[in-house]
Amino acid sequence: MKISVILAHPDAKSFNYAIAQKAVGTLHKKEYEVYFHDLYREEFPPVIPASEIPRGLHCLKS
């Protein structure tokens, strides 16, 4: 099974980071295929440009 662990916390010494690392380690031990992404380390830009916002999506209706 493939699993993604995504962390979005600026401090690598934080409790959130420790939890993410523990989760990744545990999943590896159980032989899962794990993809870990630290969005701050990857310099992921958290803002979406207005031009990329989908318009007129009917699938979002409740």
C-alpha atoms as a PDB file:
ATOM      1  CA  MET A   1       0.000   0.000   0.000  1.00  0.00           C
ATOM      2  CA  LYS A   2       1.212   3.509  -0.797  1.00  0.00           C
ATOM      3  CA  ILE A   3       0.827   6.173   1.877  1.00  0.00           C
ATOM      4  CA  SER A   4       1.592   9.903   1.770  1.00  0.00           C
ATOM      5  CA  VAL A   5       2.551  11.765   4.922  1.00  0.00           C
ATOM      6  CA  ILE A   6       2.402  15.514   4.434  1.00  0.00           C
ATOM      7  CA  LEU A   7       3.842  17.893   7.018  1.00  0.00           C
ATOM      8  CA  ALA A   8       3.269  21.646   6.988  1.00  0.00           C
ATOM      9  CA  HIS A   9       5.140  23.043   9.981  1.00  0.00           C
ATOM     10  CA  PRO A  10       8.031  25.513   9.851  1.00  0.00           C
ATOM     11  CA  ASP A  11       9.987  24.082  12.828  1.00  0.00           C
ATOM     12  CA  ALA A  12      11.800  20.764  12.302  1.00  0.00           C
ATOM     13  CA  LYS A  13      12.153  20.519  16.112  1.00  0.00           C
ATOM     14  CA  SER A  14       8.376  20.709  16.680  1.00  0.00           C
ATOM     15  CA  PHE A  15       6.121  18.066  18.180  1.00  0.00           C
ATOM     16  CA  ASN A  16       4.271  17.877  14.820  1.00  0.00           C
ATOM     17  CA  TYR A  17       7.525  17.034  13.053  1.00  0.00           C
ATOM     18  CA  ALA A  18       8.309  14.339  15.626  1.00  0.00           C
ATOM     19  CA  ILE A  19       4.856  12.792  15.129  1.00  0.00           C
ATOM     20  CA  ALA A  20       5.322  12.768  11.348  1.00  0.00           C
ATOM     21  CA  GLN A  21       8.753  11.124  11.660  1.00  0.00           C
ATOM     22  CA  LYS A  22       7.389   8.488  14.042  1.00  0.00           C
ATOM     23  CA  ALA A  23       4.492   7.750  11.668  1.00  0.00           C
ATOM     24  CA  VAL A  24       6.850   7.386   8.689  1.00  0.00           C
ATOM     25  CA  GLY A  25       9.178   5.097  10.654  1.00  0.00           C
ATOM     26  CA  THR A  26       6.329   2.911  11.874  1.00  0.00           C
ATOM     27  CA  LEU A  27       4.822   2.636   8.397  1.00  0.00           C
ATOM     28  CA  HIS A  28       8.218   1.680   6.924  1.00  0.00           C
ATOM     29  CA  LYS A  29       8.599  -1.054   9.554  1.00  0.00           C
ATOM     30  CA  LYS A  30       5.212  -2.412   8.476  1.00  0.00           C
ATOM     31  CA  GLU A  31       6.552  -2.430   4.890  1.00  0.00           C
ATOM     32  CA  TYR A  32       4.286   0.273   3.494  1.00  0.00           C
ATOM     33  CA  GLU A  33       5.516   2.397   0.610  1.00  0.00           C
ATOM     34  CA  VAL A  34       5.701   5.828   2.253  1.00  0.00           C
ATOM     35  CA  TYR A  35       6.065   9.215   0.584  1.00  0.00           C
ATOM     36  CA  PHE A  36       6.982  11.961   3.056  1.00  0.00           C
ATOM     37  CA  HIS A  37       6.612  15.600   2.088  1.00  0.00           C
ATOM     38  CA  ASP A  38       7.777  18.455   4.288  1.00  0.00           C
ATOM     39  CA  LEU A  39       6.102  21.387   2.571  1.00  0.00           C
ATOM     40  CA  TYR A  40       8.315  23.979   4.268  1.00  0.00           C
ATOM     41  CA  ARG A  41      11.537  22.190   3.298  1.00  0.00           C
ATOM     42  CA  GLU A  42      10.208  21.806  -0.270  1.00  0.00           C
ATOM     43  CA  GLU A  43       9.365  25.544  -0.265  1.00  0.00           C
ATOM     44  CA  PHE A  44       5.813  24.804  -1.366  1.00  0.00           C
ATOM     45  CA  PRO A  45       3.984  28.077  -2.107  1.00  0.00           C
ATOM     46  CA  PRO A  46       0.717  27.939  -0.115  1.00  0.00           C
ATOM     47  CA  VAL A  47      -1.069  30.525  -2.223  1.00  0.00           C
ATOM     48  CA  ILE A  48      -2.982  29.573  -5.350  1.00  0.00           C
ATOM     49  CA  PRO A  49      -3.097  32.210  -8.091  1.00  0.00           C
ATOM     50  CA  ALA A  50      -6.617  33.339  -9.023  1.00  0.00           C
ATOM     51  CA  SER A  51      -6.027  32.104 -12.566  1.00  0.00           C
ATOM     52  CA  GLU A  52      -5.710  28.521 -11.271  1.00  0.00           C
ATOM     53  CA  ILE A  53      -8.992  28.464  -9.338  1.00  0.00           C
ATOM     54  CA  PRO A  54     -11.477  26.266 -11.202  1.00  0.00           C
ATOM     55  CA  ARG A  55     -14.705  27.961 -12.190  1.00  0.00           C
ATOM     56  CA  GLY A  56     -18.118  26.433 -12.739  1.00  0.00           C
ATOM     57  CA  LEU A  57     -17.482  23.057 -11.149  1.00  0.00           C
ATOM     58  CA  HIS A  58     -20.779  21.248 -10.830  1.00  0.00           C
ATOM     59  CA  CYS A  59     -19.260  18.387  -8.829  1.00  0.00           C
ATOM     60  CA  LEU A  60     -18.922  20.627  -5.760  1.00  0.00           C
ATOM     61  CA  LYS A  61     -22.694  20.991  -5.333  1.00  0.00           C
ATOM     62  CA  SER A  62     -24.080  19.343  -2.216  1.00  0.00           C
END
